[in-house]
Amino acid sequence: MTTIEGRWELSDPTECAAEYPSELEFVADVYAVPQDPDRPAGPLGGGDYLIVDERTIELMAPNDAMHRYSYRLATGELILEDPAGCTVRYVRA
């Protein structure tokens, strides 16, 4: 079974993914976004997360609101798609 827990690094950044953090780290029911002065956290601020179902995850935004993303989790890869259709790919660090 593949788990979301662990550290993920941005891979193959598309233009629309420029506002997403370069790294995410998931533990238990929270995720962290490391401070990076060259790349703001954008819509992901760290905090709570909830796996709603096998295709949907909710991630806390900097304003503490929970936002839904489509996601796919495969061996070594986490793919998020935001409501605007931007695909953001992360690889396990």
Protein backbone atom coordinates (compact mmCIF):
# COMPACT_ATOMS: atom_id res chain seq x y z
CA MET A 1 0.00 0.00 0.00
CA THR A 2 1.27 3.47 -0.88
CA THR A 3 0.95 6.13 1.80
CA ILE A 4 0.93 9.90 1.50
CA GLU A 5 3.00 10.26 4.66
CA GLY A 6 6.53 11.44 4.03
CA ARG A 7 8.35 14.24 2.24
CA TRP A 8 7.55 15.21 -1.35
CA GLU A 9 9.44 17.51 -3.74
CA LEU A 10 7.95 19.41 -6.68
CA SER A 11 8.69 17.69 -9.98
CA ASP A 12 8.23 18.95 -13.52
CA PRO A 13 6.72 22.31 -12.49
CA THR A 14 4.24 23.64 -15.00
CA GLU A 15 3.54 27.34 -15.35
CA CYS A 16 0.36 27.08 -13.29
CA ALA A 17 2.24 25.20 -10.53
CA ALA A 18 4.57 28.16 -9.94
CA GLU A 19 2.48 29.26 -6.95
CA TYR A 20 2.75 25.87 -5.22
CA PRO A 21 5.46 25.09 -2.67
CA SER A 22 8.59 23.24 -3.73
CA GLU A 23 8.18 20.75 -0.90
CA LEU A 24 5.41 19.16 1.20
CA GLU A 25 5.71 16.88 4.20
CA PHE A 26 2.79 14.77 5.44
CA VAL A 27 2.63 13.18 8.92
CA ALA A 28 -0.45 11.72 10.64
CA ASP A 29 -3.27 14.22 9.93
CA VAL A 30 -1.16 17.32 9.22
CA TYR A 31 1.13 18.52 6.48
CA ALA A 32 3.94 21.05 6.50
CA VAL A 33 5.28 23.48 3.94
CA PRO A 34 8.93 24.38 4.66
CA GLN A 35 9.79 28.08 4.62
CA ASP A 36 11.27 29.08 1.26
CA PRO A 37 11.76 32.83 0.67
CA ASP A 38 12.19 32.23 -3.07
CA ARG A 39 8.92 30.32 -3.39
CA PRO A 40 5.86 31.29 -1.31
CA ALA A 41 3.46 28.59 -0.13
CA GLY A 42 0.69 29.95 -2.36
CA PRO A 43 -2.61 28.17 -1.86
CA LEU A 44 -1.05 25.55 0.45
CA GLY A 45 -0.09 26.80 3.86
CA GLY A 46 0.38 23.63 5.84
CA GLY A 47 -1.95 22.39 8.54
CA ASP A 48 -4.67 19.78 8.51
CA TYR A 49 -5.40 17.45 5.65
CA LEU A 50 -8.11 14.88 5.06
CA ILE A 51 -8.23 12.11 2.49
CA VAL A 52 -11.91 12.22 1.53
CA ASP A 53 -11.85 9.24 -0.82
CA GLU A 54 -9.47 7.51 -3.22
CA ARG A 55 -9.49 10.53 -5.57
CA THR A 56 -10.10 13.53 -3.30
CA ILE A 57 -7.99 15.23 -0.63
CA GLU A 58 -8.68 18.37 1.40
CA LEU A 59 -5.68 20.55 2.25
CA MET A 60 -5.64 23.51 4.63
CA ALA A 61 -4.90 26.87 3.02
CA PRO A 62 -3.01 29.74 4.70
CA ASN A 63 -6.37 31.24 5.79
CA ASP A 64 -7.28 27.91 7.53
CA ALA A 65 -9.95 27.06 4.95
CA MET A 66 -9.97 23.49 3.66
CA HIS A 67 -9.72 23.22 -0.14
CA ARG A 68 -10.46 20.10 -2.18
CA TYR A 69 -8.06 18.72 -4.73
CA SER A 70 -8.23 15.69 -6.96
CA TYR A 71 -5.22 13.52 -6.27
CA ARG A 72 -3.46 10.37 -7.37
CA LEU A 73 -0.92 8.54 -5.32
CA ALA A 74 1.39 6.05 -6.98
CA THR A 75 4.71 4.58 -6.00
CA GLY A 76 6.98 7.57 -5.64
CA GLU A 77 4.57 10.15 -7.10
CA LEU A 78 1.85 12.44 -5.74
CA ILE A 79 -0.26 14.27 -8.33
CA LEU A 80 -2.60 17.06 -7.23
CA GLU A 81 -5.12 18.80 -9.47
CA ASP A 82 -6.65 22.01 -8.22
CA PRO A 83 -10.21 23.17 -9.00
CA ALA A 84 -8.89 25.30 -11.90
CA GLY A 85 -7.39 22.19 -13.54
CA CYS A 86 -3.74 22.88 -12.71
CA THR A 87 -1.80 19.63 -12.28
CA VAL A 88 1.00 19.71 -9.70
CA ARG A 89 3.39 16.76 -9.53
CA TYR A 90 5.51 15.82 -6.52
CA VAL A 91 7.98 12.95 -6.16
CA ARG A 92 8.86 11.23 -2.92
CA ALA A 93 12.04 12.74 -1.47
